[in-house]
Protein backbone atom coordinates (compact mmCIF):
# COMPACT_ATOMS: atom_id res chain seq x y z
CA UNK A 1 39.78 -20.54 -20.68
CA UNK A 2 39.26 -17.90 -17.84
CA UNK A 3 36.97 -19.01 -14.94
CA UNK A 4 33.43 -17.35 -14.95
CA UNK A 5 33.14 -14.39 -12.60
CA UNK A 6 31.00 -15.48 -9.31
CA UNK A 7 28.74 -12.27 -9.97
CA UNK A 8 27.89 -13.80 -13.53
CA UNK A 9 27.30 -17.42 -12.15
CA UNK A 10 25.04 -15.89 -9.35
CA UNK A 11 23.10 -13.86 -12.40
CA UNK A 12 22.50 -17.09 -14.31
CA UNK A 13 21.54 -19.19 -11.45
CA UNK A 14 18.26 -17.58 -11.41
CA UNK A 15 15.73 -18.82 -13.85
CA UNK A 16 13.34 -16.46 -16.05
CA UNK A 17 10.61 -16.87 -13.48
CA UNK A 18 12.54 -15.80 -10.61
CA UNK A 19 13.75 -12.68 -12.50
CA UNK A 20 9.94 -11.74 -13.26
CA UNK A 21 9.32 -12.18 -9.55
CA UNK A 22 12.12 -9.98 -8.55
CA UNK A 23 11.07 -7.26 -11.01
CA UNK A 24 7.53 -7.22 -9.57
CA UNK A 25 8.77 -7.18 -6.18
CA UNK A 26 10.89 -4.23 -6.83
CA UNK A 27 8.90 -2.47 -9.09
CA UNK A 28 5.72 -2.53 -6.84
CA UNK A 29 7.71 -1.60 -4.06
CA UNK A 30 8.90 1.35 -5.77
CA UNK A 31 5.52 2.33 -6.72
CA UNK A 32 3.79 2.31 -3.59
CA UNK A 33 6.91 4.14 -1.86
CA UNK A 34 6.03 7.02 -4.33
CA UNK A 35 2.53 6.96 -3.08
CA UNK A 36 3.39 7.33 0.54
CA UNK A 37 6.29 9.74 -0.46
CA UNK A 38 3.71 12.12 -1.75
CA UNK A 39 1.52 11.94 1.16
CA UNK A 40 4.08 13.02 3.89
CA UNK A 41 5.00 16.51 2.82
CA UNK A 42 1.86 17.72 4.53
CA UNK A 43 2.83 16.61 8.07
CA UNK A 44 6.35 18.38 7.65
CA UNK A 45 4.69 21.46 6.20
CA UNK A 46 2.23 21.99 9.15
CA UNK A 47 4.88 23.60 11.08
CA UNK A 48 5.61 26.09 8.34
CA UNK A 49 2.05 27.09 7.57
CA UNK A 50 1.57 27.98 11.29
CA UNK A 51 4.92 29.30 13.21
CA UNK A 52 5.75 30.47 16.52
CA UNK A 53 4.47 34.15 15.80
CA UNK A 54 5.58 35.36 18.97
CA UNK A 55 9.37 34.53 18.46
CA UNK A 56 8.71 35.55 14.83
CA UNK A 57 7.52 39.05 16.08
CA UNK A 58 10.53 39.38 18.41
CA UNK A 59 13.04 38.82 15.66
CA UNK A 60 11.09 41.25 13.17
CA UNK A 61 11.36 43.95 15.91
CA UNK A 62 15.02 43.54 16.64
CA UNK A 63 15.71 43.38 13.01
CA UNK A 64 13.43 46.74 12.32
CA UNK A 65 15.13 48.29 15.21
CA UNK A 66 18.60 47.76 14.05
CA UNK A 67 17.70 48.78 10.50
CA UNK A 68 16.06 52.08 11.82
CA UNK A 69 19.18 52.94 13.73
CA UNK A 70 21.27 52.64 10.39
CA UNK A 71 21.28 55.66 7.93
CA UNK A 72 20.55 53.45 5.02
CA UNK A 73 18.13 54.80 2.53
CA UNK A 74 17.91 51.84 0.30
CA UNK A 75 14.64 50.31 0.01
CA UNK A 76 14.87 46.63 0.92
CA UNK A 77 14.11 44.14 -1.71
CA UNK A 78 10.61 42.60 -1.52
CA UNK A 79 9.77 39.29 -0.40
CA UNK A 80 7.95 36.76 -2.37
CA UNK A 81 5.36 36.53 0.46
CA UNK A 82 5.83 39.73 2.76
CA UNK A 83 2.57 39.38 4.59
CA UNK A 84 3.15 35.91 5.46
CA UNK A 85 6.25 36.31 7.44
CA UNK A 86 4.67 34.58 10.48
CA UNK A 87 1.91 32.10 9.14
CA UNK A 88 0.39 31.21 6.02
CA UNK A 89 -3.09 32.24 5.85
CA UNK A 90 -5.71 31.27 6.71
CA UNK A 91 -3.64 28.95 9.23
CA UNK A 92 -2.33 31.99 11.14
CA UNK A 93 -5.24 32.07 13.58
CA UNK A 94 -5.52 30.11 16.96
CA UNK A 95 -7.96 27.58 15.55
CA UNK A 96 -4.94 26.50 13.08
CA UNK A 97 -4.81 23.14 14.63
CA UNK A 98 -8.52 22.67 13.72
CA UNK A 99 -7.79 23.67 10.23
CA UNK A 100 -4.95 21.76 9.70
CA UNK A 101 -6.94 18.86 11.21
CA UNK A 102 -9.70 19.35 8.63
CA UNK A 103 -7.25 19.19 5.92
CA UNK A 104 -5.91 15.74 7.10
CA UNK A 105 -9.72 14.81 7.54
CA UNK A 106 -10.60 15.67 4.09
CA UNK A 107 -7.86 13.56 2.46
CA UNK A 108 -8.17 10.57 4.62
CA UNK A 109 -12.21 10.44 4.59
CA UNK A 110 -12.05 10.61 0.86
CA UNK A 111 -9.56 7.81 0.83
CA UNK A 112 -11.72 5.63 2.97
CA UNK A 113 -14.69 6.21 0.93
CA UNK A 114 -12.91 5.54 -2.19
CA UNK A 115 -11.12 2.55 -1.17
CA UNK A 116 -14.27 0.67 -0.71
CA UNK A 117 -15.16 1.49 -4.59
CA UNK A 118 -11.50 1.20 -5.54
CA UNK A 119 -11.25 -2.64 -5.15
CA UNK A 120 -14.34 -3.31 -7.21
CA UNK A 121 -13.30 -1.31 -9.88
CA UNK A 122 -9.94 -2.72 -9.75
CA UNK A 123 -11.34 -6.37 -9.90
CA UNK A 124 -12.84 -5.32 -13.36
CA UNK A 125 -10.26 -3.14 -15.19
CA UNK A 126 -6.83 -3.79 -16.23
CA UNK A 127 -4.76 -3.36 -12.84
CA UNK A 128 -1.73 -1.82 -14.89
CA UNK A 129 -3.77 0.93 -16.57
CA UNK A 130 -6.01 1.60 -13.50
CA UNK A 131 -2.77 2.17 -11.44
CA UNK A 132 -0.80 4.23 -14.14
CA UNK A 133 -4.24 6.74 -14.37
CA UNK A 134 -4.04 6.68 -10.46
CA UNK A 135 -0.65 7.84 -10.10
CA UNK A 136 -0.41 10.28 -12.96
CA UNK A 137 -3.59 11.94 -11.39
CA UNK A 138 -2.15 12.00 -7.90
CA UNK A 139 0.92 13.56 -9.10
CA UNK A 140 -1.20 16.36 -10.65
CA UNK A 141 -3.07 17.12 -7.59
CA UNK A 142 0.14 17.01 -5.08
CA UNK A 143 1.57 19.56 -7.40
CA UNK A 144 -1.47 21.64 -7.41
CA UNK A 145 -0.99 21.81 -3.56
CA UNK A 146 2.66 23.21 -4.30
CA UNK A 147 1.51 25.56 -6.64
CA UNK A 148 -0.75 27.31 -3.84
CA UNK A 149 2.55 28.83 -2.50
CA UNK A 150 3.73 29.69 -6.00
CA UNK A 151 0.67 31.54 -6.90
CA UNK A 152 -0.18 32.71 -3.36
CA UNK A 153 -3.62 31.35 -2.80
CA UNK A 154 -4.83 31.69 0.71
CA UNK A 155 -8.09 29.76 0.25
CA UNK A 156 -9.15 26.87 2.59
CA UNK A 157 -11.54 25.37 0.16
CA UNK A 158 -8.85 25.26 -2.61
CA UNK A 159 -6.48 23.27 -0.16
CA UNK A 160 -9.32 21.06 0.94
CA UNK A 161 -10.46 20.24 -2.62
CA UNK A 162 -6.90 19.29 -3.69
CA UNK A 163 -6.79 17.08 -0.56
CA UNK A 164 -10.31 15.50 -1.29
CA UNK A 165 -9.32 14.82 -5.05
CA UNK A 166 -5.90 13.42 -4.11
CA UNK A 167 -7.38 11.18 -1.54
CA UNK A 168 -9.89 9.80 -3.85
CA UNK A 169 -7.34 8.92 -6.91
CA UNK A 170 -4.54 7.55 -4.22
CA UNK A 171 -7.05 4.59 -3.62
CA UNK A 172 -5.77 3.12 -6.65
CA UNK A 173 -2.59 2.19 -5.49
CA UNK A 174 -3.09 -0.16 -2.48
CA UNK A 175 -5.41 -2.82 -4.04
CA UNK A 176 -3.53 -2.88 -7.03
CA UNK A 177 0.09 -3.45 -5.79
CA UNK A 178 -1.28 -6.09 -3.24
CA UNK A 179 -3.06 -7.94 -6.16
CA UNK A 180 -0.01 -8.14 -8.22
CA UNK A 181 2.45 -9.12 -5.62
CA UNK A 182 0.21 -11.83 -4.36
CA UNK A 183 -0.51 -13.27 -7.91
CA UNK A 184 3.27 -13.58 -8.16
CA UNK A 185 4.15 -15.01 -4.76
CA UNK A 186 2.37 -17.77 -3.24
CA UNK A 187 1.26 -18.70 0.48
CA UNK A 188 4.65 -20.06 1.48
CA UNK A 189 6.53 -17.52 3.57
CA UNK A 190 4.20 -14.78 2.87
CA UNK A 191 4.83 -13.05 6.18
CA UNK A 192 8.33 -12.58 5.57
CA UNK A 193 8.04 -11.61 1.94
CA UNK A 194 5.32 -9.36 2.73
CA UNK A 195 7.03 -7.65 5.65
CA UNK A 196 9.96 -7.07 3.68
CA UNK A 197 7.85 -5.70 0.67
CA UNK A 198 5.52 -3.54 3.15
CA UNK A 199 8.56 -1.49 4.18
CA UNK A 200 7.94 0.64 1.13
CA UNK A 201 5.32 2.60 3.36
CA UNK A 202 8.35 3.37 6.02
CA UNK A 203 10.93 4.11 3.23
CA UNK A 204 8.15 6.19 1.28
CA UNK A 205 7.74 8.26 4.62
CA UNK A 206 11.39 8.71 5.24
CA UNK A 207 12.19 9.74 1.58
CA UNK A 208 8.97 12.09 1.87
CA UNK A 209 10.01 13.64 5.08
CA UNK A 210 13.63 14.34 3.72
CA UNK A 211 12.47 15.63 0.56
CA UNK A 212 9.97 17.80 2.21
CA UNK A 213 12.18 18.82 4.70
CA UNK A 214 15.00 20.20 2.39
CA UNK A 215 12.76 22.87 1.08
CA UNK A 216 9.92 23.49 3.69
CA UNK A 217 11.94 26.75 5.29
CA UNK A 218 12.80 28.43 2.21
CA UNK A 219 10.02 27.44 -0.38
CA UNK A 220 7.35 24.61 0.98
CA UNK A 221 5.73 24.82 -2.44
CA UNK A 222 8.51 22.47 -3.76
CA UNK A 223 8.00 20.18 -0.79
CA UNK A 224 4.59 19.13 -2.75
CA UNK A 225 5.84 19.71 -6.31
CA UNK A 226 8.99 17.36 -6.16
CA UNK A 227 7.13 14.36 -4.71
CA UNK A 228 4.04 14.99 -7.20
CA UNK A 229 6.57 14.96 -10.21
CA UNK A 230 8.16 11.71 -8.66
CA UNK A 231 4.84 9.65 -8.32
CA UNK A 232 3.93 10.91 -11.75
CA UNK A 233 7.36 9.65 -13.35
CA UNK A 234 6.61 6.25 -11.49
CA UNK A 235 3.02 6.00 -13.03
CA UNK A 236 4.81 6.20 -16.40
CA UNK A 237 7.11 3.48 -15.51
CA UNK A 238 4.33 1.13 -14.11
CA UNK A 239 2.69 1.66 -17.67
CA UNK A 240 5.70 0.25 -19.50
CA UNK A 241 6.89 -2.40 -17.16
CA UNK A 242 4.24 -3.75 -14.67
CA UNK A 243 3.09 -7.31 -15.09
CA UNK A 244 -0.09 -8.15 -13.18
CA UNK A 245 0.32 -12.08 -13.51
CA UNK A 246 2.51 -14.69 -14.34
CA UNK A 247 -0.59 -15.99 -17.02
CA UNK A 248 0.15 -12.55 -18.94
CA UNK A 249 3.62 -13.66 -19.97
CA UNK A 250 2.24 -16.69 -21.97
CA UNK A 251 1.20 -14.60 -24.87
CA UNK A 252 5.01 -13.04 -24.98
CA UNK A 253 6.31 -16.50 -25.04
CA UNK A 254 3.73 -17.67 -27.60
CA UNK A 255 4.77 -14.62 -30.04
CA UNK A 256 8.43 -15.04 -29.59
CA UNK A 257 8.56 -18.56 -30.60
CA UNK A 258 9.91 -18.66 -34.26
CA UNK A 259 6.88 -19.63 -37.12
CA UNK A 260 9.77 -20.52 -39.46
CA UNK A 261 11.05 -23.24 -37.23
CA UNK A 262 9.08 -26.53 -37.57
CA UNK A 263 9.31 -29.42 -35.20
CA UNK A 264 9.72 -32.79 -36.64
CA UNK A 265 6.56 -34.96 -36.65
CA UNK A 266 5.66 -38.33 -37.44
CA UNK A 267 2.36 -39.36 -39.12
CA UNK A 268 -0.11 -40.42 -36.98
CA UNK A 269 -2.45 -42.94 -38.35
CA UNK A 270 -5.22 -43.06 -35.35
CA UNK A 271 -6.25 -45.82 -33.22
CA UNK A 272 -8.09 -48.63 -34.61
CA UNK A 273 -8.07 -46.88 -38.04
CA UNK A 274 -9.83 -43.70 -36.71
CA UNK A 275 -7.86 -40.55 -37.42
CA UNK A 276 -9.24 -37.92 -35.33
CA UNK A 277 -9.92 -37.76 -31.45
CA UNK A 278 -12.82 -35.83 -29.86
CA UNK A 279 -13.54 -34.59 -26.57
CA UNK A 280 -17.31 -35.37 -25.74
CA UNK A 281 -18.78 -33.20 -22.79
CA UNK A 282 -21.42 -34.75 -20.76
CA UNK A 283 -22.33 -33.42 -17.16
CA UNK A 284 -19.55 -30.89 -17.08
CA UNK A 285 -17.00 -34.16 -17.45
CA UNK A 286 -15.28 -35.17 -20.57
CA UNK A 287 -14.09 -38.76 -21.69
CA UNK A 288 -11.94 -39.19 -24.84
CA UNK A 289 -13.54 -40.80 -27.59
CA UNK A 290 -12.09 -41.92 -31.07
CA UNK A 291 -14.33 -41.53 -34.34
CA UNK A 292 -13.98 -42.07 -37.67
CA UNK A 293 -15.06 -38.65 -39.42
CA UNK A 294 -18.36 -39.80 -40.67
CA UNK A 295 -19.76 -41.33 -37.69
CA UNK A 296 -18.61 -38.37 -35.38
CA UNK A 297 -21.19 -36.11 -37.18
CA UNK A 298 -24.07 -37.90 -35.88
CA UNK A 299 -22.62 -38.02 -32.29
CA UNK A 300 -21.77 -34.20 -32.11
CA UNK A 301 -25.63 -33.49 -32.69
CA UNK A 302 -25.95 -34.66 -29.10
CA UNK A 303 -23.12 -33.29 -27.24
CA UNK A 304 -20.59 -30.62 -27.71
CA UNK A 305 -17.73 -32.29 -29.59
CA UNK A 306 -14.22 -31.03 -29.68
CA UNK A 307 -11.38 -31.70 -31.77
CA UNK A 308 -8.58 -32.77 -29.78
CA UNK A 309 -5.73 -34.01 -31.98
CA UNK A 310 -6.08 -32.83 -35.82
CA UNK A 311 -5.05 -35.33 -38.60
CA UNK A 312 -1.20 -35.78 -39.51
CA UNK A 313 -0.24 -34.63 -35.85
CA UNK A 314 2.57 -36.06 -33.74
CA UNK A 315 2.25 -39.49 -32.54
CA UNK A 316 1.40 -39.23 -28.82
CA UNK A 317 0.83 -42.14 -26.22
CA UNK A 318 -3.16 -42.69 -25.87
CA UNK A 319 -4.17 -42.37 -22.47
CA UNK A 320 -7.53 -41.83 -20.70
CA UNK A 321 -8.53 -38.30 -20.77
CA UNK A 322 -10.79 -36.67 -17.88
CA UNK A 323 -11.46 -33.03 -18.05
CA UNK A 324 -13.40 -30.57 -16.25
CA UNK A 325 -15.11 -27.96 -18.51
CA UNK A 326 -15.31 -24.56 -17.22
CA UNK A 327 -18.35 -23.06 -18.63
CA UNK A 328 -17.47 -19.52 -17.92
CA UNK A 329 -14.72 -17.49 -15.74
CA UNK A 330 -15.16 -17.05 -12.18
CA UNK A 331 -16.97 -13.79 -11.75
CA UNK A 332 -15.77 -11.03 -9.36
CA UNK A 333 -16.90 -11.42 -5.73
CA UNK A 334 -19.53 -8.84 -4.40
CA UNK A 335 -19.17 -6.88 -1.46
CA UNK A 336 -21.44 -8.71 0.77
CA UNK A 337 -19.51 -12.07 -0.49
CA UNK A 338 -16.24 -10.75 0.79
CA UNK A 339 -17.59 -9.60 3.90
CA UNK A 340 -18.64 -13.03 4.82
CA UNK A 341 -15.26 -14.53 4.48
CA UNK A 342 -14.27 -15.69 7.89
CA UNK A 343 -12.02 -13.11 9.59
CA UNK A 344 -12.73 -10.23 7.25
CA UNK A 345 -14.55 -8.30 9.44
CA UNK A 346 -12.63 -8.71 12.66
CA UNK A 347 -9.33 -7.56 10.92
CA UNK A 348 -10.94 -4.81 9.23
CA UNK A 349 -12.11 -3.45 12.51
CA UNK A 350 -8.72 -3.98 14.19
CA UNK A 351 -6.91 -2.25 11.37
CA UNK A 352 -9.43 0.68 11.69
CA UNK A 353 -7.84 1.32 15.31
CA UNK A 354 -4.46 0.20 14.36
CA UNK A 355 -4.32 3.01 11.40
CA UNK A 356 -5.92 5.35 13.53
CA UNK A 357 -2.81 5.33 15.86
CA UNK A 358 -0.32 4.85 12.90
CA UNK A 359 -1.76 7.94 10.63
CA UNK A 360 -1.94 10.03 13.79
CA UNK A 361 1.80 9.47 14.09
CA UNK A 362 2.23 10.01 10.38
CA UNK A 363 0.26 13.35 10.12
CA UNK A 364 1.20 15.22 13.55
CA UNK A 365 4.56 13.56 14.65
CA UNK A 366 6.85 16.18 13.22
CA UNK A 367 4.47 19.03 14.74
CA UNK A 368 4.53 17.27 18.09
CA UNK A 369 8.26 16.73 18.22
CA UNK A 370 8.46 20.82 17.16
CA UNK A 371 6.35 22.01 20.03
CA UNK A 372 7.22 19.35 22.81
CA UNK A 373 11.05 19.16 21.93
CA UNK A 374 11.42 22.82 20.87
CA UNK A 375 13.21 22.06 17.54
CA UNK A 376 12.59 23.46 14.13
CA UNK A 377 10.51 22.13 11.19
CA UNK A 378 13.60 20.66 9.46
CA UNK A 379 15.05 18.89 12.49
CA UNK A 380 11.72 17.66 13.64
CA UNK A 381 11.12 16.00 10.25
CA UNK A 382 14.33 14.49 10.12
CA UNK A 383 14.04 13.04 13.59
CA UNK A 384 10.33 11.72 12.79
CA UNK A 385 11.95 9.36 10.15
CA UNK A 386 13.34 7.17 12.67
CA UNK A 387 9.67 6.30 13.52
CA UNK A 388 9.17 4.85 10.28
CA UNK A 389 12.85 3.01 10.71
CA UNK A 390 11.22 1.15 13.70
CA UNK A 391 8.29 0.54 11.06
CA UNK A 392 10.16 -1.04 9.03
CA UNK A 393 11.88 -3.37 11.32
CA UNK A 394 8.62 -4.22 13.21
CA UNK A 395 6.91 -4.98 9.86
CA UNK A 396 9.41 -7.54 8.82
CA UNK A 397 9.60 -8.94 12.21
CA UNK A 398 5.76 -9.43 12.32
CA UNK A 399 5.89 -11.02 9.17
CA UNK A 400 8.71 -13.38 10.38
CA UNK A 401 7.03 -14.36 13.55
CA UNK A 402 3.45 -14.81 12.06
CA UNK A 403 5.21 -17.30 9.53
CA UNK A 404 7.26 -19.13 12.32
CA UNK A 405 4.11 -19.62 14.77
CA UNK A 406 1.44 -19.70 12.05
CA UNK A 407 -0.63 -17.53 14.10
CA UNK A 408 -1.25 -13.83 12.38
CA UNK A 409 -3.93 -12.90 15.03
CA UNK A 410 -1.71 -13.80 18.10
CA UNK A 411 1.37 -11.89 16.63
CA UNK A 412 -0.75 -8.51 16.09
CA UNK A 413 -2.25 -9.09 19.64
CA UNK A 414 1.14 -9.23 21.40
CA UNK A 415 2.51 -6.27 19.50
CA UNK A 416 -0.60 -4.28 20.13
CA UNK A 417 -0.45 -5.00 24.09
CA UNK A 418 3.21 -4.13 24.02
CA UNK A 419 2.55 -0.92 22.28
CA UNK A 420 0.15 0.63 24.94
CA UNK A 421 2.98 1.55 27.72
CA UNK A 422 5.19 2.52 24.58
CA UNK A 423 2.56 5.26 23.71
CA UNK A 424 2.48 6.36 27.35
CA UNK A 425 6.12 6.68 27.67
CA UNK A 426 6.16 8.70 24.34
CA UNK A 427 3.93 11.39 25.75
CA UNK A 428 6.70 12.25 27.91
CA UNK A 429 9.26 12.81 25.23
CA UNK A 430 9.95 16.46 26.34
CA UNK A 431 11.31 15.23 29.51
CA UNK A 432 14.09 12.76 27.67
CA UNK A 433 17.30 13.56 26.14
CA UNK A 434 18.02 12.82 22.50
CA UNK A 435 19.30 9.41 23.14
CA UNK A 436 16.03 8.12 24.94
CA UNK A 437 13.93 10.12 22.43
CA UNK A 438 15.40 8.23 19.43
CA UNK A 439 15.13 4.85 21.35
CA UNK A 440 11.26 5.55 21.83
CA UNK A 441 10.82 6.64 18.16
CA UNK A 442 12.08 3.24 17.03
CA UNK A 443 10.59 1.12 19.53
CA UNK A 444 7.10 2.76 19.20
CA UNK A 445 7.52 2.95 15.40
CA UNK A 446 8.30 -0.83 15.25
CA UNK A 447 5.10 -2.00 17.56
CA UNK A 448 2.66 0.61 16.25
CA UNK A 449 3.30 -0.39 12.40
CA UNK A 450 4.06 -3.87 12.95
CA UNK A 451 0.24 -5.03 13.29
CA UNK A 452 -0.54 -2.41 10.70
CA UNK A 453 1.82 -3.70 8.02
CA UNK A 454 0.99 -7.52 8.83
CA UNK A 455 -2.87 -6.99 8.70
CA UNK A 456 -2.69 -5.07 5.20
CA UNK A 457 -0.19 -7.60 3.39
CA UNK A 458 0.03 -10.85 4.45
CA UNK A 459 -3.43 -11.42 6.37
CA UNK A 460 -5.15 -9.41 3.32
CA UNK A 461 -3.55 -11.87 0.92
CA UNK A 462 -4.50 -14.89 2.74
CA UNK A 463 -8.03 -13.79 3.21
CA UNK A 464 -8.25 -12.79 -0.52
CA UNK A 465 -7.24 -16.47 -1.18
CA UNK A 466 -9.19 -18.07 1.35
CA UNK A 467 -10.33 -21.80 0.70
CA UNK A 468 -14.08 -20.61 0.97
CA UNK A 469 -13.36 -19.01 -2.33
CA UNK A 470 -12.86 -22.14 -4.08
CA UNK A 471 -10.12 -20.88 -6.16
CA UNK A 472 -11.53 -17.57 -7.34
CA UNK A 473 -8.61 -15.25 -7.38
CA UNK A 474 -10.87 -12.48 -8.24
CA UNK A 475 -11.60 -11.58 -4.80
CA UNK A 476 -8.22 -10.38 -3.62
CA UNK A 477 -8.46 -6.90 -4.80
CA UNK A 478 -12.01 -6.53 -3.27
CA UNK A 479 -10.85 -8.27 0.20
CA UNK A 480 -7.73 -5.95 0.30
CA UNK A 481 -10.00 -2.65 -0.47
CA UNK A 482 -12.44 -3.67 2.32
CA UNK A 483 -9.61 -4.13 4.97
CA UNK A 484 -7.71 -1.18 3.84
CA UNK A 485 -10.88 0.84 3.48
CA UNK A 486 -12.17 0.39 6.83
CA UNK A 487 -8.69 0.93 8.59
CA UNK A 488 -8.74 3.87 6.30
CA UNK A 489 -11.70 5.34 8.46
CA UNK A 490 -9.40 4.91 11.41
CA UNK A 491 -6.84 6.78 9.44
CA UNK A 492 -9.09 9.87 8.81
CA UNK A 493 -10.51 9.81 12.35
CA UNK A 494 -7.18 9.94 14.12
CA UNK A 495 -5.54 12.85 12.78
CA UNK A 496 -9.07 14.93 13.06
CA UNK A 497 -9.20 13.92 16.83
CA UNK A 498 -5.53 14.77 17.02
CA UNK A 499 -6.47 18.38 15.79
CA UNK A 500 -9.32 18.60 18.30
CA UNK A 501 -7.77 17.17 21.51
CA UNK A 502 -4.30 18.72 21.17
CA UNK A 503 -5.95 22.12 21.90
CA UNK A 504 -6.58 20.82 25.68
CA UNK A 505 -2.91 19.32 25.46
CA UNK A 506 -0.81 16.56 24.07
CA UNK A 507 -1.69 14.19 26.72
CA UNK A 508 -5.28 13.87 25.58
CA UNK A 509 -3.90 13.01 22.27
CA UNK A 510 -1.96 10.14 23.75
CA UNK A 511 -4.63 8.74 25.89
CA UNK A 512 -6.87 8.50 22.65
CA UNK A 513 -4.29 6.68 21.11
CA UNK A 514 -3.63 4.26 23.59
CA UNK A 515 -7.64 3.46 23.95
CA UNK A 516 -7.86 2.82 20.09
CA UNK A 517 -4.69 0.55 20.59
CA UNK A 518 -6.70 -1.29 23.66
CA UNK A 519 -9.91 -1.58 21.28
CA UNK A 520 -7.59 -3.16 18.48
CA UNK A 521 -6.63 -5.88 20.46
CA UNK A 522 -9.99 -6.67 21.91
CA UNK A 523 -11.29 -7.22 18.38
CA UNK A 524 -8.65 -9.89 17.89
CA UNK A 525 -9.61 -11.86 21.18
CA UNK A 526 -11.84 -14.30 19.20
CA UNK A 527 -9.25 -15.03 16.54
CA UNK A 528 -6.42 -15.12 19.16
CA UNK A 529 -8.16 -17.84 21.23
CA UNK A 530 -9.31 -19.96 17.79
CA UNK A 531 -5.53 -20.03 17.14
CA UNK A 532 -4.35 -20.81 20.68
CA UNK A 533 -6.97 -23.76 21.18
CA UNK A 534 -6.17 -25.14 17.84
CA UNK A 535 -4.72 -28.69 18.16
CA UNK A 536 -1.58 -27.81 16.13
CA UNK A 537 0.05 -24.75 14.91
CA UNK A 538 -0.33 -24.48 11.15
CA UNK A 539 0.20 -21.40 9.06
CA UNK A 540 -2.88 -18.80 8.72
CA UNK A 541 -4.71 -20.93 10.79
CA UNK A 542 -7.61 -18.24 11.40
CA UNK A 543 -7.82 -17.15 7.82
CA UNK A 544 -7.64 -20.38 5.75
């Protein structure tokens, strides 16, 4: 007999639950990757919506003069957008930074407002259907933005409407996937698991940059249409394969049990001549009582009596039974109830400033590299992906360190402290060569996205299963939505302020980012003090 290949041995070494965990991990990872993939194109296309008109004009003059000196009488082939050779109206004016910032703000403001409602709605609807509808509609609105190029649309109102609608429907994503992944994975090594899983944010940004950059110079409409089709396709995959909770599989197991096969049984003659066992409820607790059928009728008048074992069932050892009767399912937590969970307010406000920094880079980094390093749109988009590569490493490191030390707030605070001088150095990118620029992108991405990733994943999951909830798992989506919704307020303000401040120079933008980083650090000081003064290190000390 031939030996079993090692790959097959590895395959069969995992039980069924582990395979379902792996499926949920990979699927939710890909689902939210598609969300960020569809958000990234706008930052890549910005430099195409408003080009360097002076250089383009010089190139056009040289081309026209050379063509006039020739003796050709053939008409040049018409361009798809002949009047848009320099910039795309209405972004061809001197206030283009403010207009681009308004587009970012419209998306992120709608996202922030919708997030508070999304968590509450998500607690009350099937997550799989809720997420599927959100992804399909997000794909629709992402494609609509790209169709503006195809149909030559130059109305600012159209683009802002699409951004607002897309921001609202994209709020279905984060509370849903965090709830799913938290249902499947417990608190053990949550920081590491969530750190690895949260790399979907950076992976989505990288893929979005590469996809959008491929078409940005030739047909920027496809920079939106292709990601829109991808997120819609992933929505269909979500509908067919997402398992919200391990308990959902119980119905499948029950249906798969063959009804034709009967288990051998022995006759049960009862205890002391009593052939039926009932549970009698009193004061929310039960005791096992044995009744004759005739006697039990009178007892059931005073208490709720439930048949425990039917007659002619299998013989079982008789032991005392004490059961707590749940009168009703735990209700979804209210908004104010979620705010009263210790640590929710501090981490929410900290995330507001941390996400302000992260999303300013998300939406403005390619344009900044284009202007500061004098690169074209495609090269700037490709180079900006290094910031997200650093973000992947930073998120994983933050999770591992916080698991090891048992101090989530302290881990975030140290990374925020180190991020401030890195941001200052990044403001002088134009003075660096290519090598130092790559290093700054990687380091800055790790320190900026590390705290952001830790708070939105492991900390949110910890707070959503806080001991004060007494086992009510239906608070997770609401708590996640409150934390990320508050952070999204900062995500909306960051790009808007960047658009306004960049008119006076990029240095002002970086001063704003360093100020936000410092405020995020201040908001964690109480929790950091609590962690450092605790008598012993234990996991999630500030959020238990």
